[in-house]
Protein backbone atom coordinates (compact mmCIF):
# COMPACT_ATOMS: atom_id res chain seq x y z
CA MET A 1 58.18 83.03 86.60
CA THR A 2 61.39 82.70 85.22
CA ILE A 3 63.12 85.15 83.00
CA THR A 4 65.52 83.36 80.38
CA GLU A 5 68.05 85.93 78.29
CA VAL A 6 69.19 84.59 74.81
CA LEU A 7 72.32 86.15 73.79
CA VAL A 8 73.44 85.99 70.36
CA PRO A 9 77.05 85.88 69.46
CA ALA A 10 78.97 88.34 67.44
CA GLN A 11 79.10 86.97 63.66
CA GLN A 12 79.90 88.11 60.11
CA VAL A 13 77.19 89.30 58.03
CA ALA A 14 76.34 86.53 55.05
CA TRP A 15 77.41 89.37 52.25
CA LEU A 16 80.39 91.39 52.33
CA PRO A 17 81.03 94.57 50.38
CA TRP A 18 82.29 92.10 47.69
CA ALA A 19 78.90 91.19 47.13
CA VAL A 20 77.99 94.80 46.52
CA GLN A 21 80.78 95.24 44.10
CA TYR A 22 79.81 91.93 42.21
CA PHE A 23 76.13 93.13 41.94
CA PHE A 24 76.98 96.41 40.48
CA TYR A 25 79.62 95.08 37.90
CA ILE A 26 78.09 91.97 36.83
CA GLY A 27 74.63 94.06 36.56
CA SER A 28 76.33 96.89 34.66
CA ALA A 29 77.54 94.01 32.12
CA TYR A 30 73.92 92.45 31.59
CA GLY A 31 72.80 96.01 31.43
CA ALA A 32 75.40 96.78 28.56
CA ALA A 33 74.60 93.29 26.94
CA VAL A 34 70.85 94.74 26.44
CA LEU A 35 72.09 98.06 25.16
CA PHE A 36 74.84 96.93 22.90
CA ALA A 37 72.07 94.50 21.21
CA LEU A 38 69.87 97.65 20.45
CA ALA A 39 72.28 99.85 19.32
CA LEU A 40 73.39 97.30 17.34
CA PHE A 41 70.06 96.60 15.61
CA PHE A 42 69.45 100.11 15.38
CA ASN A 43 72.54 101.14 13.84
CA HIS A 44 71.36 104.09 12.08
CA ARG A 45 70.52 105.59 15.28
CA THR A 46 73.44 105.07 17.19
CA SER A 47 77.24 105.72 16.16
CA HIS A 48 80.26 103.45 16.26
CA GLN A 49 81.71 105.53 19.07
CA LEU A 50 78.54 104.69 21.23
CA ARG A 51 78.34 100.93 20.45
CA THR A 52 82.53 100.58 20.92
CA ALA A 53 81.90 102.06 24.49
CA LEU A 54 79.14 99.73 25.17
CA ALA A 55 81.30 97.03 23.88
CA LEU A 56 83.77 97.82 26.14
CA VAL A 57 81.52 98.13 29.28
CA LEU A 58 80.32 94.81 28.49
CA ALA A 59 83.56 92.90 28.14
CA ILE A 60 85.20 94.68 31.30
CA SER A 61 82.38 94.52 33.40
CA ALA A 62 81.87 90.70 32.49
CA MET A 63 85.81 89.87 33.56
CA VAL A 64 85.77 92.40 36.72
CA GLY A 65 82.47 90.88 38.29
CA PRO A 66 83.46 87.34 38.68
CA LEU A 67 87.03 88.64 40.25
CA ALA A 68 84.57 90.09 43.02
CA LEU A 69 82.45 87.33 43.52
CA THR A 70 85.56 84.88 44.03
CA ALA A 71 86.69 87.46 46.67
CA GLU A 72 82.99 87.32 48.23
CA LEU A 73 83.11 83.42 48.37
CA HIS A 74 85.85 84.07 51.47
CA GLN A 75 87.73 80.60 50.47
CA PRO A 76 89.05 79.88 47.04
CA GLY A 77 87.98 75.99 47.55
CA ARG A 78 84.22 77.06 47.24
CA ALA A 79 84.30 78.27 43.55
CA TRP A 80 85.17 74.89 42.08
CA HIS A 81 82.85 73.17 44.57
CA PHE A 82 80.32 74.68 42.66
CA PHE A 83 81.05 72.73 39.81
CA ALA A 84 82.46 69.69 41.48
CA TYR A 85 78.89 69.19 43.56
CA LEU A 86 76.26 70.88 41.47
CA THR A 87 72.98 71.34 43.16
CA PRO A 88 70.52 72.06 40.54
CA TRP A 89 67.76 73.49 43.07
CA SER A 90 70.28 76.12 44.19
CA TRP A 91 70.27 79.46 42.51
CA MET A 92 74.18 79.65 43.46
CA SER A 93 74.95 76.07 41.80
CA ARG A 94 72.81 77.38 38.85
CA GLY A 95 75.08 80.58 38.40
CA ALA A 96 78.25 78.59 38.62
CA LEU A 97 77.37 77.40 35.25
CA LEU A 98 75.67 80.48 33.84
CA LEU A 99 78.14 83.50 34.83
CA PRO A 100 81.19 81.79 32.85
CA LEU A 101 79.12 81.43 29.75
CA PHE A 102 78.03 85.14 29.93
CA SER A 103 81.52 86.23 30.54
CA MET A 104 82.51 84.19 27.82
CA LEU A 105 80.03 85.51 25.22
CA ALA A 106 80.65 88.88 26.68
CA VAL A 107 84.23 89.12 25.75
CA VAL A 108 83.62 87.63 22.57
CA THR A 109 81.02 89.82 21.18
CA ALA A 110 83.30 92.70 22.44
CA TRP A 111 86.55 91.36 20.27
CA LEU A 112 84.33 90.49 17.00
CA TYR A 113 82.65 94.17 17.26
CA LEU A 114 86.16 95.61 18.01
CA ARG A 115 88.36 93.39 15.68
CA SER A 116 88.54 96.09 13.01
CA ASP A 117 89.90 98.46 15.09
CA LEU A 118 92.21 95.91 16.35
CA ARG A 119 93.47 95.29 12.71
CA ARG A 120 93.76 99.19 12.21
CA LEU A 121 96.78 99.05 14.61
CA ALA A 122 98.73 96.98 12.38
CA ILE A 123 99.73 100.15 10.65
CA SER A 124 100.73 101.89 14.15
CA PRO A 125 104.31 103.23 14.61
CA SER A 126 104.23 101.50 17.90
CA SER A 127 105.69 98.16 17.97
CA LEU A 128 103.23 97.41 21.13
CA ALA A 129 100.15 98.39 19.04
CA ARG A 130 101.21 96.12 16.33
CA LEU A 131 101.24 93.24 18.55
CA LEU A 132 97.90 93.87 19.85
CA SER A 133 96.42 93.92 16.13
CA ARG A 134 97.67 89.68 15.88
CA LEU A 135 94.60 89.78 18.41
CA THR A 136 92.18 89.69 15.16
CA LEU A 137 93.20 85.93 14.81
CA GLY A 138 93.34 86.67 10.89
CA ASN A 139 91.81 88.61 8.40
CA TRP A 140 88.42 86.93 7.92
CA GLU A 141 85.20 88.95 8.45
CA ILE A 142 81.60 88.05 9.94
CA SER A 143 78.66 88.97 8.45
CA ASN A 144 76.60 91.54 10.15
CA GLY A 145 73.68 89.17 10.46
CA ALA A 146 76.06 86.77 12.34
CA LEU A 147 77.09 89.39 14.93
CA LYS A 148 73.37 90.31 15.52
CA ILE A 149 72.71 86.67 16.57
CA ILE A 150 75.67 86.65 18.76
CA SER A 151 74.59 89.96 20.52
CA LEU A 152 71.01 88.47 20.90
CA LEU A 153 72.61 85.30 22.49
CA THR A 154 74.90 87.45 24.88
CA LEU A 155 71.65 89.34 25.43
CA LEU A 156 69.65 86.41 26.66
CA SER A 157 72.70 84.86 28.67
CA GLY A 158 72.90 88.69 30.27
CA LEU A 159 69.04 88.22 31.09
CA SER A 160 69.86 84.69 32.75
CA ILE A 161 72.47 86.58 35.17
CA ALA A 162 69.77 88.97 35.92
CA LEU A 163 67.49 86.20 36.86
CA TYR A 164 69.99 84.24 38.98
CA THR A 165 71.52 87.10 40.49
CA GLY A 166 68.05 88.58 41.57
CA SER A 167 66.81 85.12 42.68
CA GLU A 168 69.67 84.03 44.62
CA VAL A 169 68.71 86.59 47.39
CA ALA A 170 65.30 86.81 46.94
CA VAL A 171 64.82 83.09 48.15
CA ILE A 172 66.37 83.97 51.63
CA ARG A 173 63.15 83.76 53.59
CA SER A 174 64.66 84.90 57.03
CA ARG A 175 64.92 88.74 55.29
CA PRO A 176 61.72 90.16 54.58
CA LEU A 177 62.90 92.85 52.49
CA TRP A 178 64.83 90.38 50.29
CA ASN A 179 62.13 87.71 49.97
CA GLN A 180 59.80 89.58 47.81
CA PHE A 181 59.09 89.74 44.19
CA THR A 182 60.25 93.47 44.02
CA SER A 183 64.07 92.96 44.97
CA PRO A 184 65.31 91.10 41.70
CA LEU A 185 63.16 93.97 39.61
CA ILE A 186 64.68 96.75 41.43
CA TRP A 187 68.43 95.18 40.89
CA PHE A 188 67.56 94.66 37.49
CA VAL A 189 65.88 98.70 36.53
CA SER A 190 68.78 99.95 38.38
CA ALA A 191 71.51 97.99 36.37
CA PHE A 192 71.26 100.37 33.41
CA LEU A 193 71.92 103.38 35.97
CA GLY A 194 75.60 101.61 35.94
CA THR A 195 75.79 101.03 32.47
CA GLY A 196 74.81 104.32 31.56
CA GLY A 197 77.46 105.84 33.99
CA LEU A 198 80.19 103.61 33.22
CA THR A 199 79.26 104.12 29.09
CA LEU A 200 79.65 107.86 29.56
CA LEU A 201 82.97 107.46 31.64
CA LEU A 202 84.22 105.24 28.82
CA LEU A 203 82.96 107.77 26.03
CA LEU A 204 85.29 110.47 27.74
CA LEU A 205 88.65 108.16 27.69
CA LEU A 206 87.83 107.37 23.46
CA PRO A 207 89.76 109.44 21.24
CA VAL A 208 86.82 111.18 20.00
CA LYS A 209 85.54 113.69 22.30
CA ASN A 210 82.58 115.44 20.48
CA VAL A 211 79.98 112.86 21.25
CA ALA A 212 76.77 112.34 18.51
CA ARG A 213 73.80 114.06 19.66
CA GLN A 214 72.06 110.98 19.14
CA ASP A 215 73.97 108.96 21.37
CA ILE A 216 73.48 111.52 24.15
CA ARG A 217 69.85 110.89 23.69
CA PHE A 218 70.18 107.33 23.88
CA ILE A 219 71.74 107.39 27.32
CA SER A 220 69.89 110.33 28.40
CA LYS A 221 66.60 108.28 27.79
CA THR A 222 68.37 105.11 29.30
CA LEU A 223 69.17 106.76 32.41
CA SER A 224 66.00 108.50 33.09
CA PHE A 225 64.21 105.49 32.29
CA SER A 226 65.84 103.53 34.94
CA ALA A 227 65.99 106.15 37.34
CA LEU A 228 62.45 106.48 37.07
CA LEU A 229 61.62 103.21 37.68
CA ALA A 230 64.10 102.91 40.41
CA CYS A 231 62.29 106.00 42.25
CA LEU A 232 58.85 103.95 42.09
CA LEU A 233 60.37 100.27 43.26
CA PHE A 234 62.52 101.45 46.31
CA PRO A 235 59.32 102.79 48.13
CA LEU A 236 57.38 99.55 47.20
CA TRP A 237 60.44 97.46 48.03
CA LEU A 238 60.16 99.14 51.38
CA VAL A 239 56.39 98.41 51.81
CA ASN A 240 56.38 94.92 50.34
CA GLY A 241 59.75 93.85 52.84
CA GLN A 242 57.83 95.38 56.12
CA GLY A 243 60.43 98.05 56.20
CA LEU A 244 58.36 101.45 56.86
CA SER A 245 59.16 100.99 60.33
CA LEU A 246 62.69 101.05 59.89
CA LEU A 247 62.24 104.60 58.92
CA ASN A 248 61.89 105.17 62.67
CA HIS A 249 65.71 104.77 63.24
CA ASP A 250 68.28 107.72 62.00
CA ILE A 251 70.49 105.10 60.19
CA TRP A 252 68.09 103.95 57.91
CA LEU A 253 66.37 107.41 57.63
CA TRP A 254 69.17 109.46 56.13
CA ARG A 255 70.09 106.46 54.04
CA THR A 256 66.80 106.40 52.54
CA GLY A 257 66.68 109.88 52.39
CA LEU A 258 70.12 109.97 50.46
CA LEU A 259 69.12 107.08 47.94
CA MET A 260 66.17 108.80 47.05
CA VAL A 261 68.14 112.33 46.48
CA LEU A 262 70.55 110.54 44.05
CA LEU A 263 67.72 108.81 42.34
CA LEU A 264 65.53 112.13 41.76
CA VAL A 265 68.30 114.09 40.93
CA SER A 266 69.61 111.15 38.31
CA LEU A 267 66.02 111.98 37.12
CA LEU A 268 65.93 115.26 36.75
CA ALA A 269 69.30 115.91 35.77
CA ASN A 270 68.66 114.33 32.45
CA TYR A 271 66.17 116.80 31.07
CA ARG A 272 68.95 119.29 31.06
CA PHE A 273 71.42 116.46 29.75
CA SER A 274 73.17 118.03 26.65
CA GLY A 275 76.62 116.17 26.41
CA GLY A 276 79.27 118.47 27.77
CA LEU A 277 82.29 117.20 28.91
CA TRP A 278 81.78 118.58 32.43
CA GLN A 279 78.23 117.23 32.13
CA MET A 280 79.05 113.83 31.06
CA ALA A 281 81.45 113.36 33.83
CA ALA A 282 78.97 114.75 36.42
CA MET A 283 76.03 112.57 35.13
CA SER A 284 78.65 109.55 34.91
CA LEU A 285 79.43 109.77 38.95
CA LEU A 286 75.89 110.69 39.49
CA SER A 287 74.34 107.27 37.63
CA ILE A 288 77.25 105.41 39.28
CA ALA A 289 76.78 106.48 42.65
CA ALA A 290 73.15 106.04 42.59
CA CYS A 291 73.35 102.40 41.31
CA TRP A 292 76.28 101.60 43.81
CA TYR A 293 74.44 102.97 46.80
CA LEU A 294 71.01 101.24 45.85
CA ARG A 295 72.72 98.15 45.94
CA TRP A 296 74.44 98.92 49.30
CA VAL A 297 71.25 99.75 51.08
CA THR A 298 69.30 96.72 49.72
CA ILE A 299 71.88 94.18 50.30
CA LEU A 300 74.76 95.39 52.78
CA ASP A 301 72.26 97.45 55.04
CA VAL A 302 69.29 95.30 55.28
CA GLN A 303 71.78 92.51 56.86
CA THR A 304 72.04 95.17 60.17
CA ILE A 305 68.17 94.45 61.07
CA PRO A 306 68.50 91.66 63.61
CA ARG A 307 66.09 88.34 62.75
CA TYR A 308 65.29 87.62 66.75
CA ASP A 309 65.70 91.37 68.41
CA ALA A 310 64.98 94.84 68.42
CA GLY A 311 66.56 97.68 66.74
CA ILE A 312 69.63 98.19 64.42
CA TYR A 313 73.09 97.23 64.49
CA PRO A 314 75.37 99.13 62.26
CA ASN A 315 77.68 97.39 60.52
CA PRO A 316 81.21 99.74 60.37
CA LEU A 317 82.71 99.79 56.67
CA ASP A 318 86.23 98.03 57.08
CA TRP A 319 89.14 99.91 55.73
CA GLY A 320 91.16 96.89 54.55
CA SER A 321 91.10 94.51 51.53
CA ALA A 322 87.47 93.47 52.52
CA GLY A 323 86.26 97.22 52.77
CA VAL A 324 87.49 100.33 51.42
CA LEU A 325 90.69 99.11 49.91
CA GLY A 326 88.96 96.45 48.04
CA ILE A 327 86.25 98.79 46.67
CA VAL A 328 88.85 101.17 45.35
CA GLY A 329 91.25 98.01 43.90
CA MET A 330 88.25 96.84 41.92
CA ALA A 331 87.32 100.39 40.65
CA GLY A 332 91.18 101.07 40.01
CA LEU A 333 91.27 97.62 37.88
CA TRP A 334 87.92 98.61 35.71
CA LEU A 335 89.71 102.09 35.19
CA ALA A 336 93.18 100.57 34.03
CA MET A 337 91.23 98.19 31.77
CA ALA A 338 89.29 101.08 30.49
CA ALA A 339 92.08 103.18 29.76
CA VAL A 340 94.02 100.70 27.69
CA THR A 341 91.53 99.38 25.80
CA SER A 342 90.11 102.71 24.86
CA GLU A 343 93.47 103.06 22.87
CA ILE A 344 92.09 100.53 20.33
CA ALA A 345 88.74 102.14 19.32
CA ALA A 346 89.02 103.85 15.88
CA PRO A 347 89.37 108.00 16.03
CA THR A 348 86.96 108.53 13.50
CA ASP A 349 83.12 106.97 13.08
CA ARG A 350 82.65 104.47 10.81
CA THR A 351 79.95 104.68 7.87
CA ASN A 352 76.93 102.24 8.22
CA SER A 353 76.43 99.67 5.90
CA SER A 354 73.52 97.45 5.78
CA SER A 355 75.45 95.26 2.80
CA SER A 356 78.87 94.02 3.21
CA PHE A 357 81.87 94.99 5.45
CA THR A 358 84.66 96.84 3.77
CA GLN A 359 88.21 95.77 3.45
CA ALA A 360 90.32 95.77 6.23
CA SER A 361 93.01 98.02 4.67
CA GLN A 362 90.01 100.40 3.95
CA GLY A 363 89.29 100.84 7.89
CA GLY A 364 85.78 98.84 7.41
CA ASN A 365 84.05 97.05 10.29
CA HIS A 366 80.40 95.65 10.70
CA GLU A 367 77.81 97.80 9.89
């Protein structure tokens, strides 16, 4: 009898931390597309302040997310190869067409909604603000119905991104934890944790600090529903992917436990969420952490499971641009864009109106 040892050389993981960032930001973007459309259609139950925050989360996340994706592709040439050599049977190739469309619609939707706020900057004493007011590209108006149609198109485009991002990972048969119907579902429902957390963060940056009770209720219900579904789907994800045996390893045991604690605390904390500034800050950080860490565990940590061996092989986080520095840099970029764009928001709410818009000189908008 002969014993043959098979040695597998060290190799890079297929998805780097950049992928977690991409899934987080683009998930927050399509979550914002859904919530913005709902807030726009039920504008009497939401304020302009909340819709402004959702529009900014939508636009900023739809721009920051693709930047993380280009870094994940390792080589600059791979980005244009998706367009030059289309492969319709590949979800990544389909995504190369769907992602630019969604990013464009997200920015256009936010711009159309915030045009009146931009126009108001024309009377600002700051020369830079007056220059920004020219981004309105004229004094024309868009009807409330047209804006709703555009928001619906953005919503549908966002759902296509949810389908493509979930499918491109779920089709990988070599990873049972990925290759299951639960994977796209858990990434979709948990995306609203990121959207809600970033929206709360933007509400803290907006000029108006007193958030309406109806807006708090809207966000609270969103976070509660998202956390509840994530709590239910995560154990199902483990069972369907034959991952229960992983809990025998200390690494997966404490990471799974930490994730469930984050989700449960996020779920329970919403029942006593009244909308105070410190509560908003805490709920924002908690929701963002739960959404982020779920993606870290289900996308990055899954790759530490060997396909042809036994045991767990930890993947240490790099401190360079591919690791901690990249994560901090992308978060800093998002915060910088949020801080700048929040300055264009109106300091007071605008009155809802189902008829025509008020004139720009009166500070009206699309309600």
